[in-house]
Amino acid sequence: MVSFPDDVLRAIDVEAERRGTSRSGLLRTLAEESMRSGVARRIQRMKRLDDAAGRVARRGGGVSEVVKANRPAR
């Protein structure tokens, strides 16, 4: 069970109708897209860290500084 403010629920219903799906179908699709996008962003970040760490390691260390400098803001 999920609760939404009335205005958000109306917007969800409008978008679901526009896409020709149900409210649940739209929310499932949006959740799946969001999760895939998050995974893709994490993969890209890890690749950038791996590349940066590799450059630092070849110069003699400092990998922990690369990781600290690239931590996401909270």
PDB file of N, CA and C in Angstrom:
ATOM      1  N   MET A   1       0.849  -1.163   0.000  1.00  0.00           N
ATOM      2  CA  MET A   1       0.000   0.000   0.000  1.00  0.00           C
ATOM      3  C   MET A   1       0.898   1.231   0.000  1.00  0.00           C
ATOM      4  N   VAL A   2       0.588   2.179  -0.857  1.00  0.00           N
ATOM      5  CA  VAL A   2       1.360   3.413  -0.975  1.00  0.00           C
ATOM      6  C   VAL A   2       0.383   4.578  -0.942  1.00  0.00           C
ATOM      7  N   SER A   3       0.751   5.641  -0.270  1.00  0.00           N
ATOM      8  CA  SER A   3      -0.103   6.830  -0.209  1.00  0.00           C
ATOM      9  C   SER A   3       0.552   7.976  -0.960  1.00  0.00           C
ATOM     10  N   PHE A   4      -0.272   8.735  -1.685  1.00  0.00           N
ATOM     11  CA  PHE A   4       0.177   9.913  -2.427  1.00  0.00           C
ATOM     12  C   PHE A   4      -0.773  11.061  -2.142  1.00  0.00           C
ATOM     13  N   PRO A   5      -0.270  12.287  -2.171  1.00  0.00           N
ATOM     14  CA  PRO A   5      -1.176  13.440  -2.080  1.00  0.00           C
ATOM     15  C   PRO A   5      -2.131  13.413  -3.284  1.00  0.00           C
ATOM     16  N   ASP A   6      -3.298  14.004  -3.121  1.00  0.00           N
ATOM     17  CA  ASP A   6      -4.319  13.975  -4.178  1.00  0.00           C
ATOM     18  C   ASP A   6      -3.813  14.511  -5.507  1.00  0.00           C
ATOM     19  N   ASP A   7      -3.048  15.610  -5.491  1.00  0.00           N
ATOM     20  CA  ASP A   7      -2.577  16.179  -6.753  1.00  0.00           C
ATOM     21  C   ASP A   7      -1.603  15.255  -7.471  1.00  0.00           C
ATOM     22  N   VAL A   8      -0.762  14.559  -6.720  1.00  0.00           N
ATOM     23  CA  VAL A   8       0.175  13.606  -7.317  1.00  0.00           C
ATOM     24  C   VAL A   8      -0.595  12.415  -7.889  1.00  0.00           C
ATOM     25  N   LEU A   9      -1.572  11.943  -7.157  1.00  0.00           N
ATOM     26  CA  LEU A   9      -2.387  10.826  -7.622  1.00  0.00           C
ATOM     27  C   LEU A   9      -3.123  11.179  -8.914  1.00  0.00           C
ATOM     28  N   ARG A  10      -3.639  12.401  -8.995  1.00  0.00           N
ATOM     29  CA  ARG A  10      -4.304  12.846 -10.237  1.00  0.00           C
ATOM     30  C   ARG A  10      -3.315  12.843 -11.399  1.00  0.00           C
ATOM     31  N   ALA A  11      -2.112  13.341 -11.161  1.00  0.00           N
ATOM     32  CA  ALA A  11      -1.093  13.366 -12.214  1.00  0.00           C
ATOM     33  C   ALA A  11      -0.723  11.949 -12.646  1.00  0.00           C
ATOM     34  N   ILE A  12      -0.629  11.034 -11.703  1.00  0.00           N
ATOM     35  CA  ILE A  12      -0.338   9.628 -12.017  1.00  0.00           C
ATOM     36  C   ILE A  12      -1.453   9.053 -12.879  1.00  0.00           C
ATOM     37  N   ASP A  13      -2.682   9.307 -12.491  1.00  0.00           N
ATOM     38  CA  ASP A  13      -3.820   8.787 -13.248  1.00  0.00           C
ATOM     39  C   ASP A  13      -3.857   9.349 -14.669  1.00  0.00           C
ATOM     40  N   VAL A  14      -3.573  10.640 -14.812  1.00  0.00           N
ATOM     41  CA  VAL A  14      -3.559  11.264 -16.139  1.00  0.00           C
ATOM     42  C   VAL A  14      -2.476  10.621 -17.007  1.00  0.00           C
ATOM     43  N   GLU A  15      -1.291  10.448 -16.441  1.00  0.00           N
ATOM     44  CA  GLU A  15      -0.193   9.848 -17.202  1.00  0.00           C
ATOM     45  C   GLU A  15      -0.475   8.388 -17.528  1.00  0.00           C
ATOM     46  N   ALA A  16      -1.060   7.660 -16.601  1.00  0.00           N
ATOM     47  CA  ALA A  16      -1.411   6.255 -16.871  1.00  0.00           C
ATOM     48  C   ALA A  16      -2.411   6.167 -18.016  1.00  0.00           C
ATOM     49  N   GLU A  17      -3.402   7.026 -18.008  1.00  0.00           N
ATOM     50  CA  GLU A  17      -4.389   7.030 -19.090  1.00  0.00           C
ATOM     51  C   GLU A  17      -3.733   7.402 -20.412  1.00  0.00           C
ATOM     52  N   ARG A  18      -2.853   8.398 -20.389  1.00  0.00           N
ATOM     53  CA  ARG A  18      -2.168   8.817 -21.609  1.00  0.00           C
ATOM     54  C   ARG A  18      -1.363   7.676 -22.211  1.00  0.00           C
ATOM     55  N   ARG A  19      -0.753   6.856 -21.334  1.00  0.00           N
ATOM     56  CA  ARG A  19       0.067   5.731 -21.795  1.00  0.00           C
ATOM     57  C   ARG A  19      -0.767   4.476 -22.063  1.00  0.00           C
ATOM     58  N   GLY A  20      -2.034   4.523 -21.718  1.00  0.00           N
ATOM     59  CA  GLY A  20      -2.888   3.357 -21.940  1.00  0.00           C
ATOM     60  C   GLY A  20      -2.608   2.209 -20.992  1.00  0.00           C
ATOM     61  N   THR A  21      -2.325   2.557 -19.750  1.00  0.00           N
ATOM     62  CA  THR A  21      -2.031   1.528 -18.755  1.00  0.00           C
ATOM     63  C   THR A  21      -2.778   1.854 -17.470  1.00  0.00           C
ATOM     64  N   SER A  22      -2.631   0.991 -16.509  1.00  0.00           N
ATOM     65  CA  SER A  22      -3.262   1.220 -15.213  1.00  0.00           C
ATOM     66  C   SER A  22      -2.323   2.029 -14.321  1.00  0.00           C
ATOM     67  N   ARG A  23      -2.856   2.497 -13.228  1.00  0.00           N
ATOM     68  CA  ARG A  23      -2.051   3.200 -12.226  1.00  0.00           C
ATOM     69  C   ARG A  23      -0.911   2.299 -11.743  1.00  0.00           C
ATOM     70  N   SER A  24      -1.246   1.064 -11.415  1.00  0.00           N
ATOM     71  CA  SER A  24      -0.220   0.121 -10.948  1.00  0.00           C
ATOM     72  C   SER A  24       0.817  -0.147 -12.019  1.00  0.00           C
ATOM     73  N   GLY A  25       0.361  -0.296 -13.264  1.00  0.00           N
ATOM     74  CA  GLY A  25       1.280  -0.543 -14.370  1.00  0.00           C
ATOM     75  C   GLY A  25       2.247   0.615 -14.565  1.00  0.00           C
ATOM     76  N   LEU A  26       1.737   1.837 -14.481  1.00  0.00           N
ATOM     77  CA  LEU A  26       2.596   3.009 -14.625  1.00  0.00           C
ATOM     78  C   LEU A  26       3.608   3.069 -13.489  1.00  0.00           C
ATOM     79  N   LEU A  27       3.160   2.891 -12.263  1.00  0.00           N
ATOM     80  CA  LEU A  27       4.070   2.958 -11.121  1.00  0.00           C
ATOM     81  C   LEU A  27       5.138   1.868 -11.197  1.00  0.00           C
ATOM     82  N   ARG A  28       4.761   0.679 -11.634  1.00  0.00           N
ATOM     83  CA  ARG A  28       5.732  -0.409 -11.798  1.00  0.00           C
ATOM     84  C   ARG A  28       6.783  -0.024 -12.847  1.00  0.00           C
ATOM     85  N   THR A  29       6.310   0.511 -14.000  1.00  0.00           N
ATOM     86  CA  THR A  29       7.222   0.916 -15.063  1.00  0.00           C
ATOM     87  C   THR A  29       8.178   1.998 -14.588  1.00  0.00           C
ATOM     88  N   LEU A  30       7.641   3.014 -13.906  1.00  0.00           N
ATOM     89  CA  LEU A  30       8.485   4.102 -13.417  1.00  0.00           C
ATOM     90  C   LEU A  30       9.495   3.606 -12.387  1.00  0.00           C
ATOM     91  N   ALA A  31       9.084   2.696 -11.518  1.00  0.00           N
ATOM     92  CA  ALA A  31      10.002   2.147 -10.518  1.00  0.00           C
ATOM     93  C   ALA A  31      11.119   1.347 -11.190  1.00  0.00           C
ATOM     94  N   GLU A  32      10.765   0.529 -12.180  1.00  0.00           N
ATOM     95  CA  GLU A  32      11.769  -0.260 -12.894  1.00  0.00           C
ATOM     96  C   GLU A  32      12.749   0.648 -13.633  1.00  0.00           C
ATOM     97  N   GLU A  33      12.233   1.687 -14.300  1.00  0.00           N
ATOM     98  CA  GLU A  33      13.102   2.627 -15.015  1.00  0.00           C
ATOM     99  C   GLU A  33      14.045   3.333 -14.048  1.00  0.00           C
ATOM    100  N   SER A  34      13.522   3.727 -12.907  1.00  0.00           N
ATOM    101  CA  SER A  34      14.338   4.411 -11.910  1.00  0.00           C
ATOM    102  C   SER A  34      15.453   3.506 -11.389  1.00  0.00           C
ATOM    103  N   MET A  35      15.122   2.256 -11.121  1.00  0.00           N
ATOM    104  CA  MET A  35      16.126   1.324 -10.609  1.00  0.00           C
ATOM    105  C   MET A  35      17.198   1.045 -11.667  1.00  0.00           C
ATOM    106  N   ARG A  36      16.788   0.845 -12.931  1.00  0.00           N
ATOM    107  CA  ARG A  36      17.770   0.621 -14.001  1.00  0.00           C
ATOM    108  C   ARG A  36      18.675   1.834 -14.165  1.00  0.00           C
ATOM    109  N   SER A  37      18.098   3.013 -14.091  1.00  0.00           N
ATOM    110  CA  SER A  37      18.874   4.244 -14.215  1.00  0.00           C
ATOM    111  C   SER A  37      19.884   4.367 -13.081  1.00  0.00           C
ATOM    112  N   GLY A  38      19.461   4.024 -11.880  1.00  0.00           N
ATOM    113  CA  GLY A  38      20.364   4.079 -10.727  1.00  0.00           C
ATOM    114  C   GLY A  38      21.514   3.110 -10.873  1.00  0.00           C
ATOM    115  N   VAL A  39      21.230   1.915 -11.366  1.00  0.00           N
ATOM    116  CA  VAL A  39      22.286   0.919 -11.588  1.00  0.00           C
ATOM    117  C   VAL A  39      23.264   1.437 -12.631  1.00  0.00           C
ATOM    118  N   ALA A  40      22.739   2.008 -13.718  1.00  0.00           N
ATOM    119  CA  ALA A  40      23.604   2.528 -14.778  1.00  0.00           C
ATOM    120  C   ALA A  40      24.500   3.647 -14.244  1.00  0.00           C
ATOM    121  N   ARG A  41      23.942   4.533 -13.411  1.00  0.00           N
ATOM    122  CA  ARG A  41      24.753   5.617 -12.831  1.00  0.00           C
ATOM    123  C   ARG A  41      25.853   5.054 -11.939  1.00  0.00           C
ATOM    124  N   ARG A  42      25.514   4.032 -11.135  1.00  0.00           N
ATOM    125  CA  ARG A  42      26.527   3.437 -10.258  1.00  0.00           C
ATOM    126  C   ARG A  42      27.628   2.766 -11.073  1.00  0.00           C
ATOM    127  N   ILE A  43      27.269   2.110 -12.160  1.00  0.00           N
ATOM    128  CA  ILE A  43      28.269   1.468 -13.021  1.00  0.00           C
ATOM    129  C   ILE A  43      29.198   2.521 -13.616  1.00  0.00           C
ATOM    130  N   GLN A  44      28.637   3.627 -14.086  1.00  0.00           N
ATOM    131  CA  GLN A  44      29.458   4.704 -14.645  1.00  0.00           C
ATOM    132  C   GLN A  44      30.394   5.289 -13.586  1.00  0.00           C
ATOM    133  N   ARG A  45      29.867   5.513 -12.376  1.00  0.00           N
ATOM    134  CA  ARG A  45      30.714   6.042 -11.298  1.00  0.00           C
ATOM    135  C   ARG A  45      31.852   5.084 -10.973  1.00  0.00           C
ATOM    136  N   MET A  46      31.550   3.792 -10.910  1.00  0.00           N
ATOM    137  CA  MET A  46      32.583   2.807 -10.601  1.00  0.00           C
ATOM    138  C   MET A  46      33.643   2.784 -11.699  1.00  0.00           C
ATOM    139  N   LYS A  47      33.235   2.901 -12.948  1.00  0.00           N
ATOM    140  CA  LYS A  47      34.203   2.933 -14.041  1.00  0.00           C
ATOM    141  C   LYS A  47      35.107   4.151 -13.917  1.00  0.00           C
ATOM    142  N   ARG A  48      34.513   5.327 -13.619  1.00  0.00           N
ATOM    143  CA  ARG A  48      35.332   6.532 -13.443  1.00  0.00           C
ATOM    144  C   ARG A  48      36.311   6.357 -12.278  1.00  0.00           C
ATOM    145  N   LEU A  49      35.829   5.767 -11.179  1.00  0.00           N
ATOM    146  CA  LEU A  49      36.717   5.528 -10.035  1.00  0.00           C
ATOM    147  C   LEU A  49      37.818   4.546 -10.391  1.00  0.00           C
ATOM    148  N   ASP A  50      37.459   3.473 -11.107  1.00  0.00           N
ATOM    149  CA  ASP A  50      38.468   2.494 -11.520  1.00  0.00           C
ATOM    150  C   ASP A  50      39.530   3.155 -12.400  1.00  0.00           C
ATOM    151  N   ASP A  51      39.079   3.986 -13.349  1.00  0.00           N
ATOM    152  CA  ASP A  51      40.020   4.676 -14.232  1.00  0.00           C
ATOM    153  C   ASP A  51      40.923   5.608 -13.437  1.00  0.00           C
ATOM    154  N   ALA A  52      40.318   6.405 -12.545  1.00  0.00           N
ATOM    155  CA  ALA A  52      41.103   7.351 -11.738  1.00  0.00           C
ATOM    156  C   ALA A  52      42.040   6.612 -10.797  1.00  0.00           C
ATOM    157  N   ALA A  53      41.559   5.559 -10.181  1.00  0.00           N
ATOM    158  CA  ALA A  53      42.395   4.790  -9.248  1.00  0.00           C
ATOM    159  C   ALA A  53      43.550   4.144  -9.993  1.00  0.00           C
ATOM    160  N   GLY A  54      43.290   3.670 -11.206  1.00  0.00           N
ATOM    161  CA  GLY A  54      44.361   3.068 -12.005  1.00  0.00           C
ATOM    162  C   GLY A  54      45.446   4.070 -12.322  1.00  0.00           C
ATOM    163  N   ARG A  55      45.051   5.297 -12.655  1.00  0.00           N
ATOM    164  CA  ARG A  55      46.048   6.334 -12.955  1.00  0.00           C
ATOM    165  C   ARG A  55      46.872   6.647 -11.705  1.00  0.00           C
ATOM    166  N   VAL A  56      46.206   6.726 -10.562  1.00  0.00           N
ATOM    167  CA  VAL A  56      46.903   7.036  -9.311  1.00  0.00           C
ATOM    168  C   VAL A  56      47.814   5.887  -8.912  1.00  0.00           C
ATOM    169  N   ALA A  57      47.311   4.652  -9.032  1.00  0.00           N
ATOM    170  CA  ALA A  57      48.097   3.480  -8.630  1.00  0.00           C
ATOM    171  C   ALA A  57      49.374   3.380  -9.460  1.00  0.00           C
ATOM    172  N   ARG A  58      49.298   3.732 -10.735  1.00  0.00           N
ATOM    173  CA  ARG A  58      50.489   3.673 -11.573  1.00  0.00           C
ATOM    174  C   ARG A  58      51.523   4.714 -11.151  1.00  0.00           C
ATOM    175  N   ARG A  59      51.049   5.743 -10.440  1.00  0.00           N
ATOM    176  CA  ARG A  59      51.975   6.780  -9.983  1.00  0.00           C
ATOM    177  C   ARG A  59      52.427   6.531  -8.546  1.00  0.00           C
ATOM    178  N   GLY A  60      52.043   5.415  -7.975  1.00  0.00           N
ATOM    179  CA  GLY A  60      52.573   5.081  -6.663  1.00  0.00           C
ATOM    180  C   GLY A  60      51.630   5.192  -5.488  1.00  0.00           C
ATOM    181  N   GLY A  61      50.336   5.216  -5.708  1.00  0.00           N
ATOM    182  CA  GLY A  61      49.418   5.179  -4.581  1.00  0.00           C
ATOM    183  C   GLY A  61      48.443   6.327  -4.553  1.00  0.00           C
ATOM    184  N   GLY A  62      47.726   6.432  -3.451  1.00  0.00           N
ATOM    185  CA  GLY A  62      46.756   7.504  -3.277  1.00  0.00           C
ATOM    186  C   GLY A  62      45.344   7.132  -3.700  1.00  0.00           C
ATOM    187  N   VAL A  63      45.067   5.841  -3.846  1.00  0.00           N
ATOM    188  CA  VAL A  63      43.742   5.404  -4.295  1.00  0.00           C
ATOM    189  C   VAL A  63      42.663   5.832  -3.301  1.00  0.00           C
ATOM    190  N   SER A  64      42.949   5.766  -2.016  1.00  0.00           N
ATOM    191  CA  SER A  64      41.929   6.147  -1.019  1.00  0.00           C
ATOM    192  C   SER A  64      41.534   7.610  -1.173  1.00  0.00           C
ATOM    193  N   GLU A  65      42.471   8.459  -1.545  1.00  0.00           N
ATOM    194  CA  GLU A  65      42.149   9.870  -1.761  1.00  0.00           C
ATOM    195  C   GLU A  65      41.208  10.037  -2.957  1.00  0.00           C
ATOM    196  N   VAL A  66      41.399   9.236  -4.004  1.00  0.00           N
ATOM    197  CA  VAL A  66      40.515   9.277  -5.177  1.00  0.00           C
ATOM    198  C   VAL A  66      39.103   8.897  -4.767  1.00  0.00           C
ATOM    199  N   VAL A  67      38.969   7.830  -3.999  1.00  0.00           N
ATOM    200  CA  VAL A  67      37.653   7.380  -3.559  1.00  0.00           C
ATOM    201  C   VAL A  67      36.992   8.453  -2.699  1.00  0.00           C
ATOM    202  N   LYS A  68      37.716   9.006  -1.744  1.00  0.00           N
ATOM    203  CA  LYS A  68      37.156  10.052  -0.871  1.00  0.00           C
ATOM    204  C   LYS A  68      36.732  11.274  -1.675  1.00  0.00           C
ATOM    205  N   ALA A  69      37.522  11.654  -2.645  1.00  0.00           N
ATOM    206  CA  ALA A  69      37.228  12.848  -3.448  1.00  0.00           C
ATOM    207  C   ALA A  69      36.005  12.640  -4.350  1.00  0.00           C
ATOM    208  N   ASN A  70      35.671  11.383  -4.618  1.00  0.00           N
ATOM    209  CA  ASN A  70      34.567  11.092  -5.535  1.00  0.00           C
ATOM    210  C   ASN A  70      33.321  10.558  -4.839  1.00  0.00           C
ATOM    211  N   ARG A  71      33.274  10.664  -3.529  1.00  0.00           N
ATOM    212  CA  ARG A  71      32.067  10.238  -2.804  1.00  0.00           C
ATOM    213  C   ARG A  71      30.899  11.155  -3.152  1.00  0.00           C
ATOM    214  N   PRO A  72      29.719  10.575  -3.333  1.00  0.00           N
ATOM    215  CA  PRO A  72      28.569  11.428  -3.628  1.00  0.00           C
ATOM    216  C   PRO A  72      28.189  12.276  -2.417  1.00  0.00           C
ATOM    217  N   ALA A  73      27.665  13.452  -2.692  1.00  0.00           N
ATOM    218  CA  ALA A  73      27.199  14.315  -1.614  1.00  0.00           C
ATOM    219  C   ALA A  73      25.956  13.704  -0.976  1.00  0.00           C
ATOM    220  N   ARG A  74      25.809  13.888   0.312  1.00  0.00           N
ATOM    221  CA  ARG A  74      24.629  13.322   0.986  1.00  0.00           C
ATOM    222  C   ARG A  74      23.666  14.377   1.341  1.00  0.00           C
TER     223      ARG A  74
END
